[in-house]
Amino acid sequence: MEKEDFLAALGFKGFTARIKRLSDTLMYDAKHVYRYSGIAIAPNWHLVFLLLQDEKRMTVTEISKKLDLSCKLPLIRTACFSNFIKVIAFNSLCG
């Protein structure tokens, strides 16, 4: 008996879940590529480090705006990016 993929069976209704599955798979594989290459960072940090390599010094708000990793409301932009940083740091330590 062949195992049916529930998300595939959902068709269009399962599209976002399938995209999330793909994203998770790519992130997992990227971690292995970085580890194999001897790079001791989580893939999420890659763009931040590339940006800092180019710009040298930036505030959290500047990084947030430059990478468009922010909420759309300016007053909570820094908080959103700070949460992103916390998640990356936690995943780097625990993952």
PDB file of N, CA and C in Angstrom:
ATOM      1  N   MET A   1       0.844  -1.187   0.000  1.00  0.00           N
ATOM      2  CA  MET A   1       0.000   0.000   0.000  1.00  0.00           C
ATOM      3  C   MET A   1       0.890   1.252   0.000  1.00  0.00           C
ATOM      4  N   GLU A   2       0.648   2.129  -0.950  1.00  0.00           N
ATOM      5  CA  GLU A   2       1.441   3.342  -1.071  1.00  0.00           C
ATOM      6  C   GLU A   2       0.949   4.399  -0.092  1.00  0.00           C
ATOM      7  N   LYS A   3       1.898   5.052   0.596  1.00  0.00           N
ATOM      8  CA  LYS A   3       1.554   6.094   1.555  1.00  0.00           C
ATOM      9  C   LYS A   3       1.204   7.381   0.804  1.00  0.00           C
ATOM     10  N   GLU A   4       0.037   7.930   1.099  1.00  0.00           N
ATOM     11  CA  GLU A   4      -0.421   9.151   0.436  1.00  0.00           C
ATOM     12  C   GLU A   4       0.090  10.371   1.196  1.00  0.00           C
ATOM     13  N   ASP A   5       0.558  11.368   0.463  1.00  0.00           N
ATOM     14  CA  ASP A   5       1.003  12.621   1.055  1.00  0.00           C
ATOM     15  C   ASP A   5      -0.235  13.490   1.296  1.00  0.00           C
ATOM     16  N   PHE A   6      -0.561  13.693   2.556  1.00  0.00           N
ATOM     17  CA  PHE A   6      -1.767  14.434   2.917  1.00  0.00           C
ATOM     18  C   PHE A   6      -1.765  15.841   2.319  1.00  0.00           C
ATOM     19  N   LEU A   7      -0.618  16.520   2.391  1.00  0.00           N
ATOM     20  CA  LEU A   7      -0.561  17.889   1.858  1.00  0.00           C
ATOM     21  C   LEU A   7      -0.768  17.913   0.353  1.00  0.00           C
ATOM     22  N   ALA A   8      -0.198  16.949  -0.343  1.00  0.00           N
ATOM     23  CA  ALA A   8      -0.392  16.886  -1.788  1.00  0.00           C
ATOM     24  C   ALA A   8      -1.854  16.594  -2.114  1.00  0.00           C
ATOM     25  N   ALA A   9      -2.488  15.756  -1.300  1.00  0.00           N
ATOM     26  CA  ALA A   9      -3.893  15.419  -1.520  1.00  0.00           C
ATOM     27  C   ALA A   9      -4.806  16.625  -1.315  1.00  0.00           C
ATOM     28  N   LEU A  10      -4.376  17.567  -0.512  1.00  0.00           N
ATOM     29  CA  LEU A  10      -5.186  18.768  -0.275  1.00  0.00           C
ATOM     30  C   LEU A  10      -5.218  19.691  -1.492  1.00  0.00           C
ATOM     31  N   GLY A  11      -4.273  19.513  -2.394  1.00  0.00           N
ATOM     32  CA  GLY A  11      -4.224  20.369  -3.578  1.00  0.00           C
ATOM     33  C   GLY A  11      -3.889  21.799  -3.207  1.00  0.00           C
ATOM     34  N   PHE A  12      -4.628  22.745  -3.777  1.00  0.00           N
ATOM     35  CA  PHE A  12      -4.347  24.164  -3.549  1.00  0.00           C
ATOM     36  C   PHE A  12      -4.454  24.546  -2.073  1.00  0.00           C
ATOM     37  N   LYS A  13      -5.357  23.918  -1.332  1.00  0.00           N
ATOM     38  CA  LYS A  13      -5.533  24.249   0.092  1.00  0.00           C
ATOM     39  C   LYS A  13      -4.279  23.927   0.904  1.00  0.00           C
ATOM     40  N   GLY A  14      -3.464  23.018   0.449  1.00  0.00           N
ATOM     41  CA  GLY A  14      -2.241  22.655   1.163  1.00  0.00           C
ATOM     42  C   GLY A  14      -0.999  23.344   0.636  1.00  0.00           C
ATOM     43  N   PHE A  15      -1.184  24.306  -0.274  1.00  0.00           N
ATOM     44  CA  PHE A  15      -0.051  24.961  -0.932  1.00  0.00           C
ATOM     45  C   PHE A  15       0.902  25.629   0.057  1.00  0.00           C
ATOM     46  N   THR A  16       0.394  26.428   0.983  1.00  0.00           N
ATOM     47  CA  THR A  16       1.278  27.136   1.916  1.00  0.00           C
ATOM     48  C   THR A  16       2.026  26.160   2.814  1.00  0.00           C
ATOM     49  N   ALA A  17       1.387  25.081   3.203  1.00  0.00           N
ATOM     50  CA  ALA A  17       2.063  24.086   4.033  1.00  0.00           C
ATOM     51  C   ALA A  17       3.175  23.387   3.237  1.00  0.00           C
ATOM     52  N   ARG A  18       2.940  23.168   1.944  1.00  0.00           N
ATOM     53  CA  ARG A  18       3.975  22.541   1.118  1.00  0.00           C
ATOM     54  C   ARG A  18       5.153  23.494   0.917  1.00  0.00           C
ATOM     55  N   ILE A  19       4.872  24.785   0.765  1.00  0.00           N
ATOM     56  CA  ILE A  19       5.947  25.779   0.655  1.00  0.00           C
ATOM     57  C   ILE A  19       6.754  25.805   1.954  1.00  0.00           C
ATOM     58  N   LYS A  20       6.079  25.752   3.096  1.00  0.00           N
ATOM     59  CA  LYS A  20       6.770  25.721   4.390  1.00  0.00           C
ATOM     60  C   LYS A  20       7.628  24.458   4.498  1.00  0.00           C
ATOM     61  N   ARG A  21       7.102  23.331   4.054  1.00  0.00           N
ATOM     62  CA  ARG A  21       7.869  22.077   4.073  1.00  0.00           C
ATOM     63  C   ARG A  21       9.131  22.225   3.225  1.00  0.00           C
ATOM     64  N   LEU A  22       8.994  22.829   2.048  1.00  0.00           N
ATOM     65  CA  LEU A  22      10.134  23.049   1.168  1.00  0.00           C
ATOM     66  C   LEU A  22      11.163  23.974   1.827  1.00  0.00           C
ATOM     67  N   SER A  23      10.679  25.050   2.431  1.00  0.00           N
ATOM     68  CA  SER A  23      11.558  25.986   3.124  1.00  0.00           C
ATOM     69  C   SER A  23      12.325  25.287   4.245  1.00  0.00           C
ATOM     70  N   ASP A  24      11.639  24.485   5.032  1.00  0.00           N
ATOM     71  CA  ASP A  24      12.287  23.761   6.129  1.00  0.00           C
ATOM     72  C   ASP A  24      13.342  22.794   5.602  1.00  0.00           C
ATOM     73  N   THR A  25      13.038  22.116   4.502  1.00  0.00           N
ATOM     74  CA  THR A  25      13.992  21.179   3.905  1.00  0.00           C
ATOM     75  C   THR A  25      15.233  21.910   3.409  1.00  0.00           C
ATOM     76  N   LEU A  26      15.030  23.056   2.747  1.00  0.00           N
ATOM     77  CA  LEU A  26      16.162  23.848   2.260  1.00  0.00           C
ATOM     78  C   LEU A  26      17.019  24.352   3.413  1.00  0.00           C
ATOM     79  N   MET A  27      16.388  24.804   4.496  1.00  0.00           N
ATOM     80  CA  MET A  27      17.138  25.293   5.651  1.00  0.00           C
ATOM     81  C   MET A  27      17.942  24.163   6.290  1.00  0.00           C
ATOM     82  N   TYR A  28      17.343  22.997   6.414  1.00  0.00           N
ATOM     83  CA  TYR A  28      18.020  21.835   6.982  1.00  0.00           C
ATOM     84  C   TYR A  28      19.233  21.460   6.126  1.00  0.00           C
ATOM     85  N   ASP A  29      19.052  21.436   4.812  1.00  0.00           N
ATOM     86  CA  ASP A  29      20.156  21.105   3.911  1.00  0.00           C
ATOM     87  C   ASP A  29      21.239  22.186   3.936  1.00  0.00           C
ATOM     88  N   ALA A  30      20.837  23.447   4.026  1.00  0.00           N
ATOM     89  CA  ALA A  30      21.815  24.539   4.096  1.00  0.00           C
ATOM     90  C   ALA A  30      22.675  24.416   5.346  1.00  0.00           C
ATOM     91  N   LYS A  31      22.074  23.998   6.465  1.00  0.00           N
ATOM     92  CA  LYS A  31      22.854  23.790   7.692  1.00  0.00           C
ATOM     93  C   LYS A  31      23.948  22.760   7.461  1.00  0.00           C
ATOM     94  N   HIS A  32      23.610  21.692   6.737  1.00  0.00           N
ATOM     95  CA  HIS A  32      24.606  20.658   6.444  1.00  0.00           C
ATOM     96  C   HIS A  32      25.712  21.185   5.526  1.00  0.00           C
ATOM     97  N   VAL A  33      25.346  22.005   4.546  1.00  0.00           N
ATOM     98  CA  VAL A  33      26.342  22.584   3.645  1.00  0.00           C
ATOM     99  C   VAL A  33      27.293  23.477   4.426  1.00  0.00           C
ATOM    100  N   TYR A  34      26.748  24.336   5.286  1.00  0.00           N
ATOM    101  CA  TYR A  34      27.598  25.207   6.103  1.00  0.00           C
ATOM    102  C   TYR A  34      28.502  24.382   7.011  1.00  0.00           C
ATOM    103  N   ARG A  35      27.954  23.387   7.665  1.00  0.00           N
ATOM    104  CA  ARG A  35      28.741  22.546   8.573  1.00  0.00           C
ATOM    105  C   ARG A  35      29.851  21.833   7.795  1.00  0.00           C
ATOM    106  N   TYR A  36      29.519  21.282   6.639  1.00  0.00           N
ATOM    107  CA  TYR A  36      30.493  20.587   5.804  1.00  0.00           C
ATOM    108  C   TYR A  36      31.594  21.544   5.340  1.00  0.00           C
ATOM    109  N   SER A  37      31.238  22.807   5.104  1.00  0.00           N
ATOM    110  CA  SER A  37      32.193  23.813   4.644  1.00  0.00           C
ATOM    111  C   SER A  37      33.006  24.412   5.778  1.00  0.00           C
ATOM    112  N   GLY A  38      32.699  24.024   7.000  1.00  0.00           N
ATOM    113  CA  GLY A  38      33.431  24.550   8.141  1.00  0.00           C
ATOM    114  C   GLY A  38      32.987  25.938   8.570  1.00  0.00           C
ATOM    115  N   ILE A  39      31.801  26.331   8.153  1.00  0.00           N
ATOM    116  CA  ILE A  39      31.271  27.644   8.515  1.00  0.00           C
ATOM    117  C   ILE A  39      30.355  27.453   9.722  1.00  0.00           C
ATOM    118  N   ALA A  40      30.713  28.069  10.824  1.00  0.00           N
ATOM    119  CA  ALA A  40      30.006  27.841  12.085  1.00  0.00           C
ATOM    120  C   ALA A  40      28.906  28.869  12.330  1.00  0.00           C
ATOM    121  N   ILE A  41      28.023  29.031  11.357  1.00  0.00           N
ATOM    122  CA  ILE A  41      26.877  29.922  11.540  1.00  0.00           C
ATOM    123  C   ILE A  41      25.625  29.217  11.036  1.00  0.00           C
ATOM    124  N   ALA A  42      24.501  29.650  11.548  1.00  0.00           N
ATOM    125  CA  ALA A  42      23.219  29.174  11.031  1.00  0.00           C
ATOM    126  C   ALA A  42      22.966  29.878   9.694  1.00  0.00           C
ATOM    127  N   PRO A  43      22.338  29.214   8.746  1.00  0.00           N
ATOM    128  CA  PRO A  43      22.091  29.834   7.436  1.00  0.00           C
ATOM    129  C   PRO A  43      21.357  31.172   7.526  1.00  0.00           C
ATOM    130  N   ASN A  44      20.521  31.342   8.541  1.00  0.00           N
ATOM    131  CA  ASN A  44      19.773  32.596   8.694  1.00  0.00           C
ATOM    132  C   ASN A  44      20.693  33.801   8.869  1.00  0.00           C
ATOM    133  N   TRP A  45      21.885  33.576   9.419  1.00  0.00           N
ATOM    134  CA  TRP A  45      22.817  34.667   9.685  1.00  0.00           C
ATOM    135  C   TRP A  45      23.592  35.095   8.449  1.00  0.00           C
ATOM    136  N   HIS A  46      23.601  34.295   7.416  1.00  0.00           N
ATOM    137  CA  HIS A  46      24.453  34.533   6.263  1.00  0.00           C
ATOM    138  C   HIS A  46      24.283  35.935   5.689  1.00  0.00           C
ATOM    139  N   LEU A  47      23.040  36.346   5.442  1.00  0.00           N
ATOM    140  CA  LEU A  47      22.808  37.681   4.870  1.00  0.00           C
ATOM    141  C   LEU A  47      23.242  38.796   5.812  1.00  0.00           C
ATOM    142  N   VAL A  48      23.036  38.592   7.103  1.00  0.00           N
ATOM    143  CA  VAL A  48      23.447  39.606   8.082  1.00  0.00           C
ATOM    144  C   VAL A  48      24.963  39.777   8.028  1.00  0.00           C
ATOM    145  N   PHE A  49      25.705  38.670   8.008  1.00  0.00           N
ATOM    146  CA  PHE A  49      27.165  38.760   7.958  1.00  0.00           C
ATOM    147  C   PHE A  49      27.656  39.354   6.640  1.00  0.00           C
ATOM    148  N   LEU A  50      27.034  38.983   5.527  1.00  0.00           N
ATOM    149  CA  LEU A  50      27.418  39.577   4.243  1.00  0.00           C
ATOM    150  C   LEU A  50      27.181  41.084   4.248  1.00  0.00           C
ATOM    151  N   LEU A  51      26.059  41.499   4.794  1.00  0.00           N
ATOM    152  CA  LEU A  51      25.740  42.923   4.873  1.00  0.00           C
ATOM    153  C   LEU A  51      26.753  43.655   5.748  1.00  0.00           C
ATOM    154  N   LEU A  52      27.068  43.086   6.898  1.00  0.00           N
ATOM    155  CA  LEU A  52      28.035  43.725   7.801  1.00  0.00           C
ATOM    156  C   LEU A  52      29.442  43.725   7.206  1.00  0.00           C
ATOM    157  N   GLN A  53      29.764  42.727   6.430  1.00  0.00           N
ATOM    158  CA  GLN A  53      31.064  42.694   5.768  1.00  0.00           C
ATOM    159  C   GLN A  53      31.176  43.868   4.798  1.00  0.00           C
ATOM    160  N   ASP A  54      30.078  44.183   4.136  1.00  0.00           N
ATOM    161  CA  ASP A  54      30.058  45.277   3.173  1.00  0.00           C
ATOM    162  C   ASP A  54      29.941  46.640   3.848  1.00  0.00           C
ATOM    163  N   GLU A  55      29.072  46.745   4.845  1.00  0.00           N
ATOM    164  CA  GLU A  55      28.764  48.038   5.468  1.00  0.00           C
ATOM    165  C   GLU A  55      29.625  48.345   6.699  1.00  0.00           C
ATOM    166  N   LYS A  56      30.255  47.337   7.269  1.00  0.00           N
ATOM    167  CA  LYS A  56      31.118  47.435   8.460  1.00  0.00           C
ATOM    168  C   LYS A  56      30.350  47.666   9.759  1.00  0.00           C
ATOM    169  N   ARG A  57      29.602  48.750   9.868  1.00  0.00           N
ATOM    170  CA  ARG A  57      28.843  49.035  11.084  1.00  0.00           C
ATOM    171  C   ARG A  57      27.427  49.432  10.726  1.00  0.00           C
ATOM    172  N   MET A  58      26.483  48.798  11.409  1.00  0.00           N
ATOM    173  CA  MET A  58      25.079  49.129  11.190  1.00  0.00           C
ATOM    174  C   MET A  58      24.308  48.891  12.477  1.00  0.00           C
ATOM    175  N   THR A  59      23.260  49.656  12.673  1.00  0.00           N
ATOM    176  CA  THR A  59      22.375  49.410  13.805  1.00  0.00           C
ATOM    177  C   THR A  59      21.411  48.281  13.450  1.00  0.00           C
ATOM    178  N   VAL A  60      20.745  47.765  14.460  1.00  0.00           N
ATOM    179  CA  VAL A  60      19.754  46.718  14.231  1.00  0.00           C
ATOM    180  C   VAL A  60      18.661  47.236  13.306  1.00  0.00           C
ATOM    181  N   THR A  61      18.244  48.458  13.495  1.00  0.00           N
ATOM    182  CA  THR A  61      17.201  49.046  12.647  1.00  0.00           C
ATOM    183  C   THR A  61      17.672  49.165  11.204  1.00  0.00           C
ATOM    184  N   GLU A  62      18.916  49.570  10.990  1.00  0.00           N
ATOM    185  CA  GLU A  62      19.448  49.677   9.630  1.00  0.00           C
ATOM    186  C   GLU A  62      19.508  48.308   8.945  1.00  0.00           C
ATOM    187  N   ILE A  63      19.946  47.292   9.687  1.00  0.00           N
ATOM    188  CA  ILE A  63      19.984  45.935   9.134  1.00  0.00           C
ATOM    189  C   ILE A  63      18.579  45.479   8.796  1.00  0.00           C
ATOM    190  N   SER A  64      17.657  45.738   9.708  1.00  0.00           N
ATOM    191  CA  SER A  64      16.264  45.352   9.508  1.00  0.00           C
ATOM    192  C   SER A  64      15.704  45.959   8.229  1.00  0.00           C
ATOM    193  N   LYS A  65      15.934  47.243   8.031  1.00  0.00           N
ATOM    194  CA  LYS A  65      15.425  47.932   6.840  1.00  0.00           C
ATOM    195  C   LYS A  65      16.115  47.416   5.577  1.00  0.00           C
ATOM    196  N   LYS A  66      17.414  47.259   5.635  1.00  0.00           N
ATOM    197  CA  LYS A  66      18.188  46.850   4.463  1.00  0.00           C
ATOM    198  C   LYS A  66      17.797  45.451   3.979  1.00  0.00           C
ATOM    199  N   LEU A  67      17.543  44.535   4.916  1.00  0.00           N
ATOM    200  CA  LEU A  67      17.187  43.162   4.561  1.00  0.00           C
ATOM    201  C   LEU A  67      15.682  42.951   4.458  1.00  0.00           C
ATOM    202  N   ASP A  68      14.920  44.004   4.738  1.00  0.00           N
ATOM    203  CA  ASP A  68      13.462  43.931   4.725  1.00  0.00           C
ATOM    204  C   ASP A  68      12.962  42.796   5.617  1.00  0.00           C
ATOM    205  N   LEU A  69      13.573  42.698   6.805  1.00  0.00           N
ATOM    206  CA  LEU A  69      13.183  41.701   7.802  1.00  0.00           C
ATOM    207  C   LEU A  69      12.467  42.392   8.942  1.00  0.00           C
ATOM    208  N   SER A  70      11.492  43.167   8.584  1.00  0.00           N
ATOM    209  CA  SER A  70      10.843  43.963   9.603  1.00  0.00           C
ATOM    210  C   SER A  70       9.340  43.936   9.432  1.00  0.00           C
ATOM    211  N   CYS A  71       8.697  44.327  10.491  1.00  0.00           N
ATOM    212  CA  CYS A  71       7.258  44.552  10.402  1.00  0.00           C
ATOM    213  C   CYS A  71       7.053  45.825   9.590  1.00  0.00           C
ATOM    214  N   LYS A  72       5.903  45.997   9.072  1.00  0.00           N
ATOM    215  CA  LYS A  72       5.649  47.152   8.215  1.00  0.00           C
ATOM    216  C   LYS A  72       5.388  48.435   9.006  1.00  0.00           C
ATOM    217  N   LEU A  73       5.156  48.314  10.293  1.00  0.00           N
ATOM    218  CA  LEU A  73       4.944  49.505  11.109  1.00  0.00           C
ATOM    219  C   LEU A  73       6.276  49.946  11.709  1.00  0.00           C
ATOM    220  N   PRO A  74       6.735  51.166  11.423  1.00  0.00           N
ATOM    221  CA  PRO A  74       8.061  51.615  11.862  1.00  0.00           C
ATOM    222  C   PRO A  74       8.289  51.519  13.371  1.00  0.00           C
ATOM    223  N   LEU A  75       7.262  51.742  14.171  1.00  0.00           N
ATOM    224  CA  LEU A  75       7.449  51.749  15.619  1.00  0.00           C
ATOM    225  C   LEU A  75       7.793  50.380  16.184  1.00  0.00           C
ATOM    226  N   ILE A  76       7.406  49.312  15.484  1.00  0.00           N
ATOM    227  CA  ILE A  76       7.713  47.981  16.011  1.00  0.00           C
ATOM    228  C   ILE A  76       8.744  47.245  15.153  1.00  0.00           C
ATOM    229  N   ARG A  77       9.354  47.933  14.199  1.00  0.00           N
ATOM    230  CA  ARG A  77      10.343  47.330  13.305  1.00  0.00           C
ATOM    231  C   ARG A  77      11.506  46.734  14.096  1.00  0.00           C
ATOM    232  N   THR A  78      12.067  47.483  15.026  1.00  0.00           N
ATOM    233  CA  THR A  78      13.206  47.002  15.797  1.00  0.00           C
ATOM    234  C   THR A  78      12.830  45.792  16.626  1.00  0.00           C
ATOM    235  N   ALA A  79      11.642  45.806  17.211  1.00  0.00           N
ATOM    236  CA  ALA A  79      11.193  44.662  18.011  1.00  0.00           C
ATOM    237  C   ALA A  79      11.071  43.411  17.149  1.00  0.00           C
ATOM    238  N   CYS A  80      10.553  43.559  15.942  1.00  0.00           N
ATOM    239  CA  CYS A  80      10.416  42.409  15.045  1.00  0.00           C
ATOM    240  C   CYS A  80      11.782  41.845  14.674  1.00  0.00           C
ATOM    241  N   PHE A  81      12.720  42.712  14.336  1.00  0.00           N
ATOM    242  CA  PHE A  81      14.054  42.244  13.984  1.00  0.00           C
ATOM    243  C   PHE A  81      14.742  41.644  15.196  1.00  0.00           C
ATOM    244  N   SER A  82      14.526  42.236  16.365  1.00  0.00           N
ATOM    245  CA  SER A  82      15.113  41.677  17.590  1.00  0.00           C
ATOM    246  C   SER A  82      14.596  40.270  17.833  1.00  0.00           C
ATOM    247  N   ASN A  83      13.310  40.040  17.587  1.00  0.00           N
ATOM    248  CA  ASN A  83      12.761  38.685  17.718  1.00  0.00           C
ATOM    249  C   ASN A  83      13.404  37.746  16.701  1.00  0.00           C
ATOM    250  N   PHE A  84      13.630  38.228  15.487  1.00  0.00           N
ATOM    251  CA  PHE A  84      14.308  37.434  14.462  1.00  0.00           C
ATOM    252  C   PHE A  84      15.703  37.027  14.958  1.00  0.00           C
ATOM    253  N   ILE A  85      16.423  37.984  15.523  1.00  0.00           N
ATOM    254  CA  ILE A  85      17.774  37.723  16.044  1.00  0.00           C
ATOM    255  C   ILE A  85      17.709  36.697  17.173  1.00  0.00           C
ATOM    256  N   LYS A  86      16.735  36.833  18.077  1.00  0.00           N
ATOM    257  CA  LYS A  86      16.607  35.881  19.183  1.00  0.00           C
ATOM    258  C   LYS A  86      16.343  34.465  18.675  1.00  0.00           C
ATOM    259  N   VAL A  87      15.482  34.338  17.683  1.00  0.00           N
ATOM    260  CA  VAL A  87      15.175  33.018  17.122  1.00  0.00           C
ATOM    261  C   VAL A  87      16.417  32.425  16.468  1.00  0.00           C
ATOM    262  N   ILE A  88      17.136  33.219  15.695  1.00  0.00           N
ATOM    263  CA  ILE A  88      18.347  32.728  15.050  1.00  0.00           C
ATOM    264  C   ILE A  88      19.372  32.313  16.100  1.00  0.00           C
ATOM    265  N   ALA A  89      19.560  33.151  17.110  1.00  0.00           N
ATOM    266  CA  ALA A  89      20.528  32.820  18.155  1.00  0.00           C
ATOM    267  C   ALA A  89      20.142  31.539  18.877  1.00  0.00           C
ATOM    268  N   PHE A  90      18.873  31.396  19.214  1.00  0.00           N
ATOM    269  CA  PHE A  90      18.411  30.182  19.885  1.00  0.00           C
ATOM    270  C   PHE A  90      18.634  28.955  19.012  1.00  0.00           C
ATOM    271  N   ASN A  91      18.264  29.069  17.738  1.00  0.00           N
ATOM    272  CA  ASN A  91      18.444  27.941  16.818  1.00  0.00           C
ATOM    273  C   ASN A  91      19.923  27.618  16.610  1.00  0.00           C
ATOM    274  N   SER A  92      20.776  28.638  16.624  1.00  0.00           N
ATOM    275  CA  SER A  92      22.203  28.400  16.466  1.00  0.00           C
ATOM    276  C   SER A  92      22.757  27.644  17.662  1.00  0.00           C
ATOM    277  N   LEU A  93      22.267  27.973  18.829  1.00  0.00           N
ATOM    278  CA  LEU A  93      22.749  27.318  20.047  1.00  0.00           C
ATOM    279  C   LEU A  93      22.147  25.940  20.240  1.00  0.00           C
ATOM    280  N   CYS A  94      20.904  25.778  19.844  1.00  0.00           N
ATOM    281  CA  CYS A  94      20.178  24.531  20.135  1.00  0.00           C
ATOM    282  C   CYS A  94      20.023  23.631  18.925  1.00  0.00           C
ATOM    283  N   GLY A  95      20.271  24.139  17.739  1.00  0.00           N
ATOM    284  CA  GLY A  95      20.014  23.350  16.546  1.00  0.00           C
ATOM    285  C   GLY A  95      21.255  22.861  15.949  1.00  0.00           C
TER     286      GLY A  95
END
